[in-house]
Amino acid sequence: MATQKVLAVPTAMIDPKNRTIVSTGSSVFVVGYNKKLIPADKAPNSWENFLKPEFKGKKFMVDIRPLGFAALASGLGCGR
């Protein structure tokens, strides 16, 4: 359908091996910080580093919604 322009999907975006799977979205996970409050060499560079004692009681914004797993639900057998 994409090659015949029924769907406006660039054919380069279609995986030739998994043609029946559609991604419902995409996300980018990043951490931003204030350089005036945390020097670059002390900034967390992994999720585990947020648990260090020097960050205890500090404010961080966290989004714990499982958005990345929604696209996997059909492959895991959910919703059948």
PDB file of N, CA and C in Angstrom:
ATOM      1  N   MET A   1       0.818  -1.201   0.000  1.00  0.00           N
ATOM      2  CA  MET A   1       0.000   0.000   0.000  1.00  0.00           C
ATOM      3  C   MET A   1       0.856   1.256   0.000  1.00  0.00           C
ATOM      4  N   ALA A   2       2.018   1.189   0.639  1.00  0.00           N
ATOM      5  CA  ALA A   2       2.903   2.351   0.656  1.00  0.00           C
ATOM      6  C   ALA A   2       3.567   2.553  -0.699  1.00  0.00           C
ATOM      7  N   THR A   3       3.955   1.473  -1.360  1.00  0.00           N
ATOM      8  CA  THR A   3       4.612   1.619  -2.662  1.00  0.00           C
ATOM      9  C   THR A   3       3.644   2.136  -3.718  1.00  0.00           C
ATOM     10  N   GLN A   4       2.359   1.868  -3.534  1.00  0.00           N
ATOM     11  CA  GLN A   4       1.364   2.354  -4.493  1.00  0.00           C
ATOM     12  C   GLN A   4       0.712   3.650  -4.038  1.00  0.00           C
ATOM     13  N   LYS A   5       1.276   4.260  -2.997  1.00  0.00           N
ATOM     14  CA  LYS A   5       0.863   5.580  -2.481  1.00  0.00           C
ATOM     15  C   LYS A   5      -0.554   5.601  -1.908  1.00  0.00           C
ATOM     16  N   VAL A   6      -1.071   4.427  -1.499  1.00  0.00           N
ATOM     17  CA  VAL A   6      -2.348   4.394  -0.797  1.00  0.00           C
ATOM     18  C   VAL A   6      -2.156   4.966   0.610  1.00  0.00           C
ATOM     19  N   LEU A   7      -1.003   4.655   1.204  1.00  0.00           N
ATOM     20  CA  LEU A   7      -0.620   5.224   2.488  1.00  0.00           C
ATOM     21  C   LEU A   7       0.536   6.187   2.277  1.00  0.00           C
ATOM     22  N   ALA A   8       0.529   7.286   2.993  1.00  0.00           N
ATOM     23  CA  ALA A   8       1.600   8.275   2.864  1.00  0.00           C
ATOM     24  C   ALA A   8       2.743   7.916   3.811  1.00  0.00           C
ATOM     25  N   VAL A   9       3.345   6.748   3.584  1.00  0.00           N
ATOM     26  CA  VAL A   9       4.452   6.272   4.390  1.00  0.00           C
ATOM     27  C   VAL A   9       5.650   6.074   3.472  1.00  0.00           C
ATOM     28  N   PRO A  10       6.771   6.728   3.754  1.00  0.00           N
ATOM     29  CA  PRO A  10       7.958   6.498   2.931  1.00  0.00           C
ATOM     30  C   PRO A  10       8.376   5.021   2.997  1.00  0.00           C
ATOM     31  N   THR A  11       8.626   4.423   1.874  1.00  0.00           N
ATOM     32  CA  THR A  11       8.957   2.995   1.850  1.00  0.00           C
ATOM     33  C   THR A  11      10.245   2.681   2.602  1.00  0.00           C
ATOM     34  N   ALA A  12      11.127   3.643   2.755  1.00  0.00           N
ATOM     35  CA  ALA A  12      12.362   3.416   3.512  1.00  0.00           C
ATOM     36  C   ALA A  12      12.081   3.183   4.995  1.00  0.00           C
ATOM     37  N   MET A  13      10.892   3.581   5.461  1.00  0.00           N
ATOM     38  CA  MET A  13      10.530   3.393   6.861  1.00  0.00           C
ATOM     39  C   MET A  13       9.929   2.021   7.137  1.00  0.00           C
ATOM     40  N   ILE A  14       9.707   1.225   6.130  1.00  0.00           N
ATOM     41  CA  ILE A  14       9.076  -0.081   6.295  1.00  0.00           C
ATOM     42  C   ILE A  14      10.148  -1.152   6.443  1.00  0.00           C
ATOM     43  N   ASP A  15      10.036  -1.921   7.517  1.00  0.00           N
ATOM     44  CA  ASP A  15      10.967  -3.018   7.767  1.00  0.00           C
ATOM     45  C   ASP A  15      10.574  -4.188   6.868  1.00  0.00           C
ATOM     46  N   PRO A  16      11.440  -4.626   5.974  1.00  0.00           N
ATOM     47  CA  PRO A  16      11.069  -5.702   5.047  1.00  0.00           C
ATOM     48  C   PRO A  16      10.814  -7.039   5.737  1.00  0.00           C
ATOM     49  N   LYS A  17      11.372  -7.265   6.919  1.00  0.00           N
ATOM     50  CA  LYS A  17      11.164  -8.536   7.619  1.00  0.00           C
ATOM     51  C   LYS A  17       9.915  -8.524   8.494  1.00  0.00           C
ATOM     52  N   ASN A  18       9.559  -7.374   9.039  1.00  0.00           N
ATOM     53  CA  ASN A  18       8.419  -7.259   9.960  1.00  0.00           C
ATOM     54  C   ASN A  18       7.405  -6.265   9.400  1.00  0.00           C
ATOM     55  N   ARG A  19       6.817  -6.595   8.303  1.00  0.00           N
ATOM     56  CA  ARG A  19       5.937  -5.663   7.589  1.00  0.00           C
ATOM     57  C   ARG A  19       4.600  -5.434   8.273  1.00  0.00           C
ATOM     58  N   THR A  20       4.214  -6.279   9.219  1.00  0.00           N
ATOM     59  CA  THR A  20       2.907  -6.146   9.862  1.00  0.00           C
ATOM     60  C   THR A  20       2.974  -5.415  11.196  1.00  0.00           C
ATOM     61  N   ILE A  21       4.141  -4.933  11.592  1.00  0.00           N
ATOM     62  CA  ILE A  21       4.285  -4.239  12.870  1.00  0.00           C
ATOM     63  C   ILE A  21       4.303  -2.736  12.631  1.00  0.00           C
ATOM     64  N   VAL A  22       3.534  -2.018  13.430  1.00  0.00           N
ATOM     65  CA  VAL A  22       3.454  -0.567  13.314  1.00  0.00           C
ATOM     66  C   VAL A  22       3.829   0.033  14.668  1.00  0.00           C
ATOM     67  N   SER A  23       4.700   1.008  14.664  1.00  0.00           N
ATOM     68  CA  SER A  23       5.046   1.713  15.894  1.00  0.00           C
ATOM     69  C   SER A  23       3.985   2.764  16.166  1.00  0.00           C
ATOM     70  N   THR A  24       3.489   2.788  17.390  1.00  0.00           N
ATOM     71  CA  THR A  24       2.448   3.760  17.735  1.00  0.00           C
ATOM     72  C   THR A  24       3.022   5.118  18.103  1.00  0.00           C
ATOM     73  N   GLY A  25       4.314   5.190  18.254  1.00  0.00           N
ATOM     74  CA  GLY A  25       4.947   6.459  18.608  1.00  0.00           C
ATOM     75  C   GLY A  25       6.411   6.255  18.882  1.00  0.00           C
ATOM     76  N   SER A  26       7.069   7.336  19.185  1.00  0.00           N
ATOM     77  CA  SER A  26       8.481   7.249  19.543  1.00  0.00           C
ATOM     78  C   SER A  26       8.757   8.264  20.640  1.00  0.00           C
ATOM     79  N   SER A  27       9.764   7.996  21.412  1.00  0.00           N
ATOM     80  CA  SER A  27      10.116   8.872  22.524  1.00  0.00           C
ATOM     81  C   SER A  27      11.624   8.994  22.620  1.00  0.00           C
ATOM     82  N   VAL A  28      12.045  10.086  23.167  1.00  0.00           N
ATOM     83  CA  VAL A  28      13.453  10.291  23.453  1.00  0.00           C
ATOM     84  C   VAL A  28      13.554  10.551  24.948  1.00  0.00           C
ATOM     85  N   PHE A  29      14.423   9.819  25.609  1.00  0.00           N
ATOM     86  CA  PHE A  29      14.588   9.975  27.041  1.00  0.00           C
ATOM     87  C   PHE A  29      15.912  10.670  27.311  1.00  0.00           C
ATOM     88  N   VAL A  30      15.842  11.837  27.919  1.00  0.00           N
ATOM     89  CA  VAL A  30      17.039  12.616  28.225  1.00  0.00           C
ATOM     90  C   VAL A  30      16.912  13.210  29.626  1.00  0.00           C
ATOM     91  N   VAL A  31      18.028  13.632  30.149  1.00  0.00           N
ATOM     92  CA  VAL A  31      18.048  14.320  31.433  1.00  0.00           C
ATOM     93  C   VAL A  31      18.684  15.681  31.217  1.00  0.00           C
ATOM     94  N   GLY A  32      17.983  16.714  31.627  1.00  0.00           N
ATOM     95  CA  GLY A  32      18.527  18.061  31.581  1.00  0.00           C
ATOM     96  C   GLY A  32      18.849  18.515  32.995  1.00  0.00           C
ATOM     97  N   TYR A  33      19.847  19.346  33.132  1.00  0.00           N
ATOM     98  CA  TYR A  33      20.211  19.832  34.463  1.00  0.00           C
ATOM     99  C   TYR A  33      20.732  21.261  34.354  1.00  0.00           C
ATOM    100  N   ASN A  34      20.720  21.948  35.477  1.00  0.00           N
ATOM    101  CA  ASN A  34      21.188  23.323  35.547  1.00  0.00           C
ATOM    102  C   ASN A  34      22.690  23.318  35.827  1.00  0.00           C
ATOM    103  N   LYS A  35      23.485  23.781  34.876  1.00  0.00           N
ATOM    104  CA  LYS A  35      24.941  23.794  35.020  1.00  0.00           C
ATOM    105  C   LYS A  35      25.417  24.694  36.160  1.00  0.00           C
ATOM    106  N   LYS A  36      24.577  25.629  36.571  1.00  0.00           N
ATOM    107  CA  LYS A  36      24.950  26.503  37.681  1.00  0.00           C
ATOM    108  C   LYS A  36      24.809  25.785  39.022  1.00  0.00           C
ATOM    109  N   LEU A  37      23.975  24.734  39.073  1.00  0.00           N
ATOM    110  CA  LEU A  37      23.755  24.009  40.320  1.00  0.00           C
ATOM    111  C   LEU A  37      24.555  22.707  40.407  1.00  0.00           C
ATOM    112  N   ILE A  38      24.795  22.076  39.261  1.00  0.00           N
ATOM    113  CA  ILE A  38      25.542  20.811  39.232  1.00  0.00           C
ATOM    114  C   ILE A  38      26.633  20.926  38.171  1.00  0.00           C
ATOM    115  N   PRO A  39      27.909  20.830  38.561  1.00  0.00           N
ATOM    116  CA  PRO A  39      28.981  20.872  37.561  1.00  0.00           C
ATOM    117  C   PRO A  39      28.890  19.662  36.622  1.00  0.00           C
ATOM    118  N   ALA A  40      29.364  19.825  35.413  1.00  0.00           N
ATOM    119  CA  ALA A  40      29.255  18.770  34.399  1.00  0.00           C
ATOM    120  C   ALA A  40      29.881  17.458  34.854  1.00  0.00           C
ATOM    121  N   ASP A  41      30.993  17.514  35.572  1.00  0.00           N
ATOM    122  CA  ASP A  41      31.647  16.277  35.998  1.00  0.00           C
ATOM    123  C   ASP A  41      30.909  15.570  37.137  1.00  0.00           C
ATOM    124  N   LYS A  42      29.971  16.260  37.781  1.00  0.00           N
ATOM    125  CA  LYS A  42      29.186  15.669  38.872  1.00  0.00           C
ATOM    126  C   LYS A  42      27.778  15.273  38.437  1.00  0.00           C
ATOM    127  N   ALA A  43      27.399  15.608  37.213  1.00  0.00           N
ATOM    128  CA  ALA A  43      26.054  15.309  36.724  1.00  0.00           C
ATOM    129  C   ALA A  43      25.871  13.799  36.567  1.00  0.00           C
ATOM    130  N   PRO A  44      24.679  13.285  36.888  1.00  0.00           N
ATOM    131  CA  PRO A  44      24.428  11.856  36.728  1.00  0.00           C
ATOM    132  C   PRO A  44      24.573  11.442  35.261  1.00  0.00           C
ATOM    133  N   ASN A  45      25.255  10.330  35.023  1.00  0.00           N
ATOM    134  CA  ASN A  45      25.385   9.841  33.652  1.00  0.00           C
ATOM    135  C   ASN A  45      24.758   8.458  33.485  1.00  0.00           C
ATOM    136  N   SER A  46      24.022   8.009  34.508  1.00  0.00           N
ATOM    137  CA  SER A  46      23.234   6.778  34.417  1.00  0.00           C
ATOM    138  C   SER A  46      22.064   6.914  35.383  1.00  0.00           C
ATOM    139  N   TRP A  47      21.036   6.077  35.213  1.00  0.00           N
ATOM    140  CA  TRP A  47      19.871   6.155  36.090  1.00  0.00           C
ATOM    141  C   TRP A  47      20.265   5.845  37.530  1.00  0.00           C
ATOM    142  N   GLU A  48      21.214   4.939  37.722  1.00  0.00           N
ATOM    143  CA  GLU A  48      21.647   4.584  39.068  1.00  0.00           C
ATOM    144  C   GLU A  48      22.316   5.754  39.786  1.00  0.00           C
ATOM    145  N   ASN A  49      22.960   6.646  39.044  1.00  0.00           N
ATOM    146  CA  ASN A  49      23.640   7.792  39.659  1.00  0.00           C
ATOM    147  C   ASN A  49      22.670   8.761  40.346  1.00  0.00           C
ATOM    148  N   PHE A  50      21.398   8.718  39.987  1.00  0.00           N
ATOM    149  CA  PHE A  50      20.417   9.574  40.657  1.00  0.00           C
ATOM    150  C   PHE A  50      20.201   9.136  42.106  1.00  0.00           C
ATOM    151  N   LEU A  51      20.634   7.926  42.445  1.00  0.00           N
ATOM    152  CA  LEU A  51      20.467   7.414  43.801  1.00  0.00           C
ATOM    153  C   LEU A  51      21.631   7.768  44.718  1.00  0.00           C
ATOM    154  N   LYS A  52      22.612   8.467  44.209  1.00  0.00           N
ATOM    155  CA  LYS A  52      23.774   8.851  45.025  1.00  0.00           C
ATOM    156  C   LYS A  52      23.332   9.779  46.158  1.00  0.00           C
ATOM    157  N   PRO A  53      24.032   9.702  47.290  1.00  0.00           N
ATOM    158  CA  PRO A  53      23.658  10.522  48.462  1.00  0.00           C
ATOM    159  C   PRO A  53      23.620  12.024  48.174  1.00  0.00           C
ATOM    160  N   GLU A  54      24.493  12.519  47.310  1.00  0.00           N
ATOM    161  CA  GLU A  54      24.500  13.971  47.057  1.00  0.00           C
ATOM    162  C   GLU A  54      23.238  14.468  46.344  1.00  0.00           C
ATOM    163  N   PHE A  55      22.439  13.564  45.781  1.00  0.00           N
ATOM    164  CA  PHE A  55      21.198  13.968  45.128  1.00  0.00           C
ATOM    165  C   PHE A  55      19.969  13.731  45.997  1.00  0.00           C
ATOM    166  N   LYS A  56      20.160  13.179  47.189  1.00  0.00           N
ATOM    167  CA  LYS A  56      19.038  12.914  48.076  1.00  0.00           C
ATOM    168  C   LYS A  56      18.363  14.232  48.451  1.00  0.00           C
ATOM    169  N   GLY A  57      17.045  14.274  48.302  1.00  0.00           N
ATOM    170  CA  GLY A  57      16.279  15.469  48.623  1.00  0.00           C
ATOM    171  C   GLY A  57      16.248  16.507  47.520  1.00  0.00           C
ATOM    172  N   LYS A  58      16.942  16.273  46.423  1.00  0.00           N
ATOM    173  CA  LYS A  58      16.946  17.209  45.293  1.00  0.00           C
ATOM    174  C   LYS A  58      15.701  16.980  44.445  1.00  0.00           C
ATOM    175  N   LYS A  59      15.314  17.976  43.716  1.00  0.00           N
ATOM    176  CA  LYS A  59      14.119  17.877  42.881  1.00  0.00           C
ATOM    177  C   LYS A  59      14.510  17.472  41.461  1.00  0.00           C
ATOM    178  N   PHE A  60      13.864  16.439  40.999  1.00  0.00           N
ATOM    179  CA  PHE A  60      14.007  15.991  39.616  1.00  0.00           C
ATOM    180  C   PHE A  60      12.619  15.712  39.091  1.00  0.00           C
ATOM    181  N   MET A  61      12.420  15.929  37.818  1.00  0.00           N
ATOM    182  CA  MET A  61      11.137  15.621  37.204  1.00  0.00           C
ATOM    183  C   MET A  61      11.226  14.213  36.635  1.00  0.00           C
ATOM    184  N   VAL A  62      10.272  13.385  36.984  1.00  0.00           N
ATOM    185  CA  VAL A  62      10.279  11.997  36.547  1.00  0.00           C
ATOM    186  C   VAL A  62       8.942  11.669  35.908  1.00  0.00           C
ATOM    187  N   ASP A  63       8.982  10.995  34.796  1.00  0.00           N
ATOM    188  CA  ASP A  63       7.778  10.512  34.132  1.00  0.00           C
ATOM    189  C   ASP A  63       7.867   8.991  34.124  1.00  0.00           C
ATOM    190  N   ILE A  64       7.017   8.328  34.885  1.00  0.00           N
ATOM    191  CA  ILE A  64       7.117   6.880  35.014  1.00  0.00           C
ATOM    192  C   ILE A  64       6.067   6.135  34.178  1.00  0.00           C
ATOM    193  N   ARG A  65       5.392   6.850  33.301  1.00  0.00           N
ATOM    194  CA  ARG A  65       4.405   6.181  32.460  1.00  0.00           C
ATOM    195  C   ARG A  65       5.110   5.210  31.509  1.00  0.00           C
ATOM    196  N   PRO A  66       4.569   4.036  31.303  1.00  0.00           N
ATOM    197  CA  PRO A  66       5.222   3.041  30.445  1.00  0.00           C
ATOM    198  C   PRO A  66       4.949   3.275  28.959  1.00  0.00           C
ATOM    199  N   LEU A  67       5.205   4.466  28.474  1.00  0.00           N
ATOM    200  CA  LEU A  67       4.891   4.787  27.085  1.00  0.00           C
ATOM    201  C   LEU A  67       5.662   3.933  26.091  1.00  0.00           C
ATOM    202  N   GLY A  68       6.879   3.567  26.417  1.00  0.00           N
ATOM    203  CA  GLY A  68       7.678   2.785  25.495  1.00  0.00           C
ATOM    204  C   GLY A  68       7.187   1.369  25.301  1.00  0.00           C
ATOM    205  N   PHE A  69       6.326   0.874  26.185  1.00  0.00           N
ATOM    206  CA  PHE A  69       5.871  -0.509  26.107  1.00  0.00           C
ATOM    207  C   PHE A  69       4.569  -0.677  25.338  1.00  0.00           C
ATOM    208  N   ALA A  70       3.875   0.407  25.033  1.00  0.00           N
ATOM    209  CA  ALA A  70       2.594   0.297  24.335  1.00  0.00           C
ATOM    210  C   ALA A  70       2.748  -0.357  22.963  1.00  0.00           C
ATOM    211  N   ALA A  71       3.807  -0.037  22.259  1.00  0.00           N
ATOM    212  CA  ALA A  71       4.017  -0.610  20.927  1.00  0.00           C
ATOM    213  C   ALA A  71       4.347  -2.093  20.990  1.00  0.00           C
ATOM    214  N   LEU A  72       4.807  -2.574  22.139  1.00  0.00           N
ATOM    215  CA  LEU A  72       5.156  -3.984  22.282  1.00  0.00           C
ATOM    216  C   LEU A  72       3.959  -4.855  22.682  1.00  0.00           C
ATOM    217  N   ALA A  73       2.864  -4.256  23.082  1.00  0.00           N
ATOM    218  CA  ALA A  73       1.741  -5.004  23.638  1.00  0.00           C
ATOM    219  C   ALA A  73       1.215  -6.070  22.685  1.00  0.00           C
ATOM    220  N   SER A  74       1.035  -5.747  21.428  1.00  0.00           N
ATOM    221  CA  SER A  74       0.497  -6.743  20.498  1.00  0.00           C
ATOM    222  C   SER A  74       1.462  -7.893  20.290  1.00  0.00           C
ATOM    223  N   GLY A  75       2.745  -7.624  20.286  1.00  0.00           N
ATOM    224  CA  GLY A  75       3.738  -8.681  20.127  1.00  0.00           C
ATOM    225  C   GLY A  75       3.837  -9.574  21.343  1.00  0.00           C
ATOM    226  N   LEU A  76       3.431  -9.069  22.491  1.00  0.00           N
ATOM    227  CA  LEU A  76       3.460  -9.866  23.718  1.00  0.00           C
ATOM    228  C   LEU A  76       2.188 -10.651  23.934  1.00  0.00           C
ATOM    229  N   GLY A  77       1.230 -10.522  23.026  1.00  0.00           N
ATOM    230  CA  GLY A  77      -0.028 -11.269  23.148  1.00  0.00           C
ATOM    231  C   GLY A  77      -1.114 -10.531  23.879  1.00  0.00           C
ATOM    232  N   CYS A  78      -0.914  -9.258  24.195  1.00  0.00           N
ATOM    233  CA  CYS A  78      -1.942  -8.477  24.898  1.00  0.00           C
ATOM    234  C   CYS A  78      -3.013  -8.036  23.907  1.00  0.00           C
ATOM    235  N   GLY A  79      -4.220  -7.942  24.386  1.00  0.00           N
ATOM    236  CA  GLY A  79      -5.319  -7.429  23.562  1.00  0.00           C
ATOM    237  C   GLY A  79      -5.878  -8.422  22.560  1.00  0.00           C
ATOM    238  N   ARG A  80      -5.602  -9.690  22.763  1.00  0.00           N
ATOM    239  CA  ARG A  80      -6.161 -10.684  21.833  1.00  0.00           C
ATOM    240  C   ARG A  80      -7.449 -11.253  22.353  1.00  0.00           C
TER     241      ARG A  80
END
